[in-house]
Structures are given as structure tokens and as C-alpha cells.
């Protein structure tokens, strides 16, 4: 291993261990990215629901006798 890599690993491990301390600095979370695929996903879901309604068999009416 490279000596520099060992130093970086020790510093990273120390920073990770000390991040659980009560006086650790609080970093606010990043705001979520806007979802650019939402319109495509919604249109696909609507199309699939309509296709499922067309393909799904209808319930038999009450007056129709059952098949054997």
C-alpha cells in the first residue's frame, strides 16, 4: 500500500468515528433533485391502466348461467 493512502484512510476513519460525537457539526441535507421523468411515468401508467381495462375479462351477469 502507498503511505499516502494509509494516511488518507486513517483521516477518513477518524472523521467518520468523530462524526457521531455530540458536538459534531450539523450539515444540512441536500435538497432533492427535481424528478424529470414524472410526466413520462404518469402517462405510461395511465396507458397501461387503460390497456388493462380493455384486456381484463368482464364479470358474468347474474342472469347468465355458469359454464361447466
PDB file of N, CA and C in Angstrom:
ATOM      1  N   UNK A   1       0.834  -1.184   0.000  1.00  0.00           N
ATOM      2  CA  UNK A   1       0.000   0.000   0.000  1.00  0.00           C
ATOM      3  C   UNK A   1       0.876   1.243   0.000  1.00  0.00           C
ATOM      4  N   UNK A   2       0.353   2.274  -0.528  1.00  0.00           N
ATOM      5  CA  UNK A   2       1.050   3.548  -0.550  1.00  0.00           C
ATOM      6  C   UNK A   2       0.936   4.222   0.808  1.00  0.00           C
ATOM      7  N   UNK A   3       1.989   4.847   1.280  1.00  0.00           N
ATOM      8  CA  UNK A   3       1.906   5.539   2.578  1.00  0.00           C
ATOM      9  C   UNK A   3       0.853   6.647   2.577  1.00  0.00           C
ATOM     10  N   UNK A   4       0.699   7.310   1.451  1.00  0.00           N
ATOM     11  CA  UNK A   4      -0.298   8.385   1.380  1.00  0.00           C
ATOM     12  C   UNK A   4      -1.712   7.819   1.519  1.00  0.00           C
ATOM     13  N   UNK A   5      -1.952   6.644   0.938  1.00  0.00           N
ATOM     14  CA  UNK A   5      -3.267   6.014   1.050  1.00  0.00           C
ATOM     15  C   UNK A   5      -3.560   5.632   2.497  1.00  0.00           C
ATOM     16  N   UNK A   6      -2.544   5.210   3.221  1.00  0.00           N
ATOM     17  CA  UNK A   6      -2.732   4.867   4.627  1.00  0.00           C
ATOM     18  C   UNK A   6      -3.102   6.109   5.427  1.00  0.00           C
ATOM     19  N   UNK A   7      -2.436   7.220   5.148  1.00  0.00           N
ATOM     20  CA  UNK A   7      -2.761   8.462   5.854  1.00  0.00           C
ATOM     21  C   UNK A   7      -4.192   8.905   5.566  1.00  0.00           C
ATOM     22  N   UNK A   8      -4.600   8.835   4.312  1.00  0.00           N
ATOM     23  CA  UNK A   8      -5.971   9.216   3.958  1.00  0.00           C
ATOM     24  C   UNK A   8      -6.985   8.291   4.621  1.00  0.00           C
ATOM     25  N   UNK A   9      -6.668   7.004   4.691  1.00  0.00           N
ATOM     26  CA  UNK A   9      -7.587   6.049   5.316  1.00  0.00           C
ATOM     27  C   UNK A   9      -7.731   6.345   6.807  1.00  0.00           C
ATOM     28  N   UNK A  10      -6.628   6.664   7.467  1.00  0.00           N
ATOM     29  CA  UNK A  10      -6.684   6.974   8.896  1.00  0.00           C
ATOM     30  C   UNK A  10      -7.494   8.245   9.125  1.00  0.00           C
ATOM     31  N   UNK A  11      -7.278   9.266   8.316  1.00  0.00           N
ATOM     32  CA  UNK A  11      -8.021  10.516   8.474  1.00  0.00           C
ATOM     33  C   UNK A  11      -9.521  10.306   8.197  1.00  0.00           C
ATOM     34  N   UNK A  12      -9.827   9.535   7.176  1.00  0.00           N
ATOM     35  CA  UNK A  12     -11.232   9.283   6.853  1.00  0.00           C
ATOM     36  C   UNK A  12     -11.910   8.499   7.973  1.00  0.00           C
ATOM     37  N   UNK A  13     -11.196   7.515   8.509  1.00  0.00           N
ATOM     38  CA  UNK A  13     -11.769   6.717   9.585  1.00  0.00           C
ATOM     39  C   UNK A  13     -11.971   7.559  10.839  1.00  0.00           C
ATOM     40  N   UNK A  14     -11.022   8.422  11.146  1.00  0.00           N
ATOM     41  CA  UNK A  14     -11.147   9.294  12.316  1.00  0.00           C
ATOM     42  C   UNK A  14     -12.322  10.256  12.131  1.00  0.00           C
ATOM     43  N   UNK A  15     -12.448  10.829  10.945  1.00  0.00           N
ATOM     44  CA  UNK A  15     -13.575  11.731  10.674  1.00  0.00           C
ATOM     45  C   UNK A  15     -14.913  11.029  10.783  1.00  0.00           C
ATOM     46  N   UNK A  16     -14.963   9.778  10.317  1.00  0.00           N
ATOM     47  CA  UNK A  16     -16.204   9.005  10.411  1.00  0.00           C
ATOM     48  C   UNK A  16     -16.530   8.699  11.870  1.00  0.00           C
ATOM     49  N   UNK A  17     -15.528   8.314  12.643  1.00  0.00           N
ATOM     50  CA  UNK A  17     -15.755   7.971  14.051  1.00  0.00           C
ATOM     51  C   UNK A  17     -16.147   9.199  14.864  1.00  0.00           C
ATOM     52  N   UNK A  18     -15.539  10.339  14.578  1.00  0.00           N
ATOM     53  CA  UNK A  18     -15.834  11.545  15.348  1.00  0.00           C
ATOM     54  C   UNK A  18     -17.131  12.224  14.911  1.00  0.00           C
ATOM     55  N   UNK A  19     -17.709  11.781  13.796  1.00  0.00           N
ATOM     56  CA  UNK A  19     -18.956  12.403  13.344  1.00  0.00           C
ATOM     57  C   UNK A  19     -20.124  12.031  14.243  1.00  0.00           C
ATOM     58  N   UNK A  20     -19.954  11.016  15.073  1.00  0.00           N
ATOM     59  CA  UNK A  20     -21.023  10.620  15.986  1.00  0.00           C
ATOM     60  C   UNK A  20     -20.936  11.346  17.325  1.00  0.00           C
ATOM     61  N   UNK A  21     -19.986  12.209  17.477  1.00  0.00           N
ATOM     62  CA  UNK A  21     -19.832  12.934  18.737  1.00  0.00           C
ATOM     63  C   UNK A  21     -20.964  13.954  18.896  1.00  0.00           C
ATOM     64  N   UNK A  22     -21.346  14.287  20.130  1.00  0.00           N
ATOM     65  CA  UNK A  22     -22.448  15.224  20.360  1.00  0.00           C
ATOM     66  C   UNK A  22     -22.184  16.627  19.806  1.00  0.00           C
ATOM     67  N   UNK A  23     -20.931  17.044  19.770  1.00  0.00           N
ATOM     68  CA  UNK A  23     -20.637  18.385  19.284  1.00  0.00           C
ATOM     69  C   UNK A  23     -20.195  18.393  17.819  1.00  0.00           C
ATOM     70  N   UNK A  24     -20.530  17.341  17.079  1.00  0.00           N
ATOM     71  CA  UNK A  24     -20.165  17.268  15.667  1.00  0.00           C
ATOM     72  C   UNK A  24     -20.946  18.325  14.884  1.00  0.00           C
ATOM     73  N   UNK A  25     -20.349  18.896  13.848  1.00  0.00           N
ATOM     74  CA  UNK A  25     -21.077  19.897  13.060  1.00  0.00           C
ATOM     75  C   UNK A  25     -22.241  19.258  12.309  1.00  0.00           C
ATOM     76  N   UNK A  26     -23.321  20.009  12.216  1.00  0.00           N
ATOM     77  CA  UNK A  26     -24.516  19.521  11.536  1.00  0.00           C
ATOM     78  C   UNK A  26     -24.502  20.054  10.107  1.00  0.00           C
ATOM     79  N   UNK A  27     -24.546  19.139   9.172  1.00  0.00           N
ATOM     80  CA  UNK A  27     -24.559  19.502   7.753  1.00  0.00           C
ATOM     81  C   UNK A  27     -25.978  19.280   7.241  1.00  0.00           C
ATOM     82  N   UNK A  28     -26.617  20.325   6.722  1.00  0.00           N
ATOM     83  CA  UNK A  28     -27.991  20.133   6.244  1.00  0.00           C
ATOM     84  C   UNK A  28     -28.005  19.226   5.020  1.00  0.00           C
ATOM     85  N   UNK A  29     -29.050  18.422   4.873  1.00  0.00           N
ATOM     86  CA  UNK A  29     -29.120  17.522   3.714  1.00  0.00           C
ATOM     87  C   UNK A  29     -29.309  18.312   2.421  1.00  0.00           C
ATOM     88  N   UNK A  30     -28.848  17.721   1.345  1.00  0.00           N
ATOM     89  CA  UNK A  30     -29.007  18.361   0.034  1.00  0.00           C
ATOM     90  C   UNK A  30     -30.478  18.317  -0.369  1.00  0.00           C
ATOM     91  N   UNK A  31     -30.966  19.360  -1.025  1.00  0.00           N
ATOM     92  CA  UNK A  31     -32.366  19.324  -1.474  1.00  0.00           C
ATOM     93  C   UNK A  31     -32.526  18.258  -2.560  1.00  0.00           C
ATOM     94  N   UNK A  32     -33.673  17.607  -2.615  1.00  0.00           N
ATOM     95  CA  UNK A  32     -33.864  16.562  -3.623  1.00  0.00           C
ATOM     96  C   UNK A  32     -33.867  17.147  -5.028  1.00  0.00           C
ATOM     97  N   UNK A  33     -33.356  16.358  -5.946  1.00  0.00           N
ATOM     98  CA  UNK A  33     -33.340  16.776  -7.348  1.00  0.00           C
ATOM     99  C   UNK A  33     -34.743  16.700  -7.921  1.00  0.00           C
ATOM    100  N   UNK A  34     -35.084  17.603  -8.822  1.00  0.00           N
ATOM    101  CA  UNK A  34     -36.420  17.522  -9.433  1.00  0.00           C
ATOM    102  C   UNK A  34     -36.530  16.255 -10.282  1.00  0.00           C
ATOM    103  N   UNK A  35     -37.700  15.652 -10.242  1.00  0.00           N
ATOM    104  CA  UNK A  35     -37.936  14.426 -10.984  1.00  0.00           C
ATOM    105  C   UNK A  35     -38.379  14.781 -12.395  1.00  0.00           C
ATOM    106  N   UNK A  36     -37.479  14.591 -13.354  1.00  0.00           N
ATOM    107  CA  UNK A  36     -37.788  14.965 -14.735  1.00  0.00           C
ATOM    108  C   UNK A  36     -38.593  13.894 -15.455  1.00  0.00           C
ATOM    109  N   UNK A  37     -38.642  12.675 -14.925  1.00  0.00           N
ATOM    110  CA  UNK A  37     -39.343  11.593 -15.609  1.00  0.00           C
ATOM    111  C   UNK A  37     -40.779  11.430 -15.126  1.00  0.00           C
ATOM    112  N   UNK A  38     -41.241  12.271 -14.223  1.00  0.00           N
ATOM    113  CA  UNK A  38     -42.593  12.123 -13.668  1.00  0.00           C
ATOM    114  C   UNK A  38     -43.680  12.172 -14.749  1.00  0.00           C
ATOM    115  N   UNK A  39     -43.670  13.111 -15.695  1.00  0.00           N
ATOM    116  CA  UNK A  39     -44.734  13.109 -16.720  1.00  0.00           C
ATOM    117  C   UNK A  39     -44.730  11.843 -17.571  1.00  0.00           C
ATOM    118  N   UNK A  40     -43.557  11.337 -17.893  1.00  0.00           N
ATOM    119  CA  UNK A  40     -43.468  10.118 -18.717  1.00  0.00           C
ATOM    120  C   UNK A  40     -43.999   8.926 -17.931  1.00  0.00           C
ATOM    121  N   UNK A  41     -43.609   8.831 -16.666  1.00  0.00           N
ATOM    122  CA  UNK A  41     -44.077   7.723 -15.842  1.00  0.00           C
ATOM    123  C   UNK A  41     -45.581   7.770 -15.649  1.00  0.00           C
ATOM    124  N   UNK A  42     -46.130   8.975 -15.445  1.00  0.00           N
ATOM    125  CA  UNK A  42     -47.572   9.108 -15.249  1.00  0.00           C
ATOM    126  C   UNK A  42     -48.329   8.731 -16.532  1.00  0.00           C
ATOM    127  N   UNK A  43     -47.856   9.168 -17.688  1.00  0.00           N
ATOM    128  CA  UNK A  43     -48.516   8.839 -18.948  1.00  0.00           C
ATOM    129  C   UNK A  43     -48.438   7.340 -19.232  1.00  0.00           C
ATOM    130  N   UNK A  44     -47.309   6.726 -18.916  1.00  0.00           N
ATOM    131  CA  UNK A  44     -47.172   5.286 -19.110  1.00  0.00           C
ATOM    132  C   UNK A  44     -48.126   4.526 -18.201  1.00  0.00           C
ATOM    133  N   UNK A  45     -48.255   4.970 -16.965  1.00  0.00           N
ATOM    134  CA  UNK A  45     -49.159   4.303 -16.028  1.00  0.00           C
ATOM    135  C   UNK A  45     -50.611   4.430 -16.498  1.00  0.00           C
ATOM    136  N   UNK A  46     -50.996   5.595 -16.998  1.00  0.00           N
ATOM    137  CA  UNK A  46     -52.366   5.788 -17.489  1.00  0.00           C
ATOM    138  C   UNK A  46     -52.627   4.872 -18.682  1.00  0.00           C
ATOM    139  N   UNK A  47     -51.663   4.798 -19.607  1.00  0.00           N
ATOM    140  CA  UNK A  47     -51.829   3.941 -20.788  1.00  0.00           C
ATOM    141  C   UNK A  47     -51.932   2.473 -20.384  1.00  0.00           C
ATOM    142  N   UNK A  48     -51.117   2.028 -19.441  1.00  0.00           N
ATOM    143  CA  UNK A  48     -51.164   0.632 -19.011  1.00  0.00           C
ATOM    144  C   UNK A  48     -52.463   0.315 -18.279  1.00  0.00           C
ATOM    145  N   UNK A  49     -52.980   1.255 -17.494  1.00  0.00           N
ATOM    146  CA  UNK A  49     -54.257   1.034 -16.815  1.00  0.00           C
ATOM    147  C   UNK A  49     -55.393   0.931 -17.823  1.00  0.00           C
ATOM    148  N   UNK A  50     -55.382   1.770 -18.830  1.00  0.00           N
ATOM    149  CA  UNK A  50     -56.426   1.695 -19.857  1.00  0.00           C
ATOM    150  C   UNK A  50     -56.329   0.389 -20.632  1.00  0.00           C
ATOM    151  N   UNK A  51     -55.121  -0.047 -20.962  1.00  0.00           N
ATOM    152  CA  UNK A  51     -54.935  -1.312 -21.659  1.00  0.00           C
ATOM    153  C   UNK A  51     -55.407  -2.477 -20.789  1.00  0.00           C
ATOM    154  N   UNK A  52     -55.119  -2.430 -19.502  1.00  0.00           N
ATOM    155  CA  UNK A  52     -55.568  -3.489 -18.604  1.00  0.00           C
ATOM    156  C   UNK A  52     -57.084  -3.521 -18.518  1.00  0.00           C
ATOM    157  N   UNK A  53     -57.746  -2.361 -18.540  1.00  0.00           N
ATOM    158  CA  UNK A  53     -59.207  -2.327 -18.512  1.00  0.00           C
ATOM    159  C   UNK A  53     -59.799  -2.948 -19.774  1.00  0.00           C
ATOM    160  N   UNK A  54     -59.116  -2.780 -20.916  1.00  0.00           N
ATOM    161  CA  UNK A  54     -59.608  -3.362 -22.163  1.00  0.00           C
ATOM    162  C   UNK A  54     -59.398  -4.872 -22.198  1.00  0.00           C
ATOM    163  N   UNK A  55     -58.292  -5.352 -21.666  1.00  0.00           N
ATOM    164  CA  UNK A  55     -57.938  -6.768 -21.749  1.00  0.00           C
ATOM    165  C   UNK A  55     -58.618  -7.591 -20.660  1.00  0.00           C
ATOM    166  N   UNK A  56     -58.908  -6.992 -19.526  1.00  0.00           N
ATOM    167  CA  UNK A  56     -59.466  -7.736 -18.393  1.00  0.00           C
ATOM    168  C   UNK A  56     -60.849  -8.267 -18.732  1.00  0.00           C
ATOM    169  N   UNK A  57     -61.109  -9.547 -18.427  1.00  0.00           N
ATOM    170  CA  UNK A  57     -62.439 -10.094 -18.735  1.00  0.00           C
ATOM    171  C   UNK A  57     -63.505  -9.473 -17.838  1.00  0.00           C
ATOM    172  N   UNK A  58     -64.693  -9.358 -18.393  1.00  0.00           N
ATOM    173  CA  UNK A  58     -65.809  -8.780 -17.650  1.00  0.00           C
ATOM    174  C   UNK A  58     -66.458  -9.843 -16.767  1.00  0.00           C
ATOM    175  N   UNK A  59     -67.062  -9.414 -15.715  1.00  0.00           N
ATOM    176  CA  UNK A  59     -67.784 -10.339 -14.835  1.00  0.00           C
ATOM    177  C   UNK A  59     -69.059 -10.795 -15.511  1.00  0.00           C
ATOM    178  N   UNK A  60     -69.421 -12.032 -15.302  1.00  0.00           N
ATOM    179  CA  UNK A  60     -70.644 -12.573 -15.885  1.00  0.00           C
ATOM    180  C   UNK A  60     -71.844 -11.931 -15.214  1.00  0.00           C
ATOM    181  N   UNK A  61     -72.891 -11.701 -15.999  1.00  0.00           N
ATOM    182  CA  UNK A  61     -74.089 -11.106 -15.430  1.00  0.00           C
ATOM    183  C   UNK A  61     -74.848 -12.152 -14.601  1.00  0.00           C
ATOM    184  N   UNK A  62     -75.769 -11.720 -13.791  1.00  0.00           N
ATOM    185  CA  UNK A  62     -76.489 -12.625 -12.882  1.00  0.00           C
ATOM    186  C   UNK A  62     -77.394 -13.558 -13.667  1.00  0.00           C
ATOM    187  N   UNK A  63     -77.994 -13.120 -14.748  1.00  0.00           N
ATOM    188  CA  UNK A  63     -78.941 -13.940 -15.492  1.00  0.00           C
ATOM    189  C   UNK A  63     -78.239 -14.970 -16.382  1.00  0.00           C
ATOM    190  N   UNK A  64     -76.957 -14.854 -16.592  1.00  0.00           N
ATOM    191  CA  UNK A  64     -76.233 -15.771 -17.464  1.00  0.00           C
ATOM    192  C   UNK A  64     -75.878 -17.032 -16.676  1.00  0.00           C
ATOM    193  N   UNK A  65     -76.189 -18.236 -17.212  1.00  0.00           N
ATOM    194  CA  UNK A  65     -75.854 -19.464 -16.489  1.00  0.00           C
ATOM    195  C   UNK A  65     -74.338 -19.709 -16.501  1.00  0.00           C
ATOM    196  N   UNK A  66     -73.864 -20.355 -15.477  1.00  0.00           N
ATOM    197  CA  UNK A  66     -72.441 -20.654 -15.376  1.00  0.00           C
ATOM    198  C   UNK A  66     -72.050 -21.741 -16.357  1.00  0.00           C
ATOM    199  N   UNK A  67     -70.848 -21.682 -16.890  1.00  0.00           N
ATOM    200  CA  UNK A  67     -70.359 -22.707 -17.818  1.00  0.00           C
ATOM    201  C   UNK A  67     -69.801 -23.869 -17.014  1.00  0.00           C
ATOM    202  N   UNK A  68     -69.926 -25.064 -17.592  1.00  0.00           N
ATOM    203  CA  UNK A  68     -69.419 -26.251 -16.901  1.00  0.00           C
ATOM    204  C   UNK A  68     -68.015 -26.542 -17.264  1.00  0.00           C
TER     205      UNK A  68
END
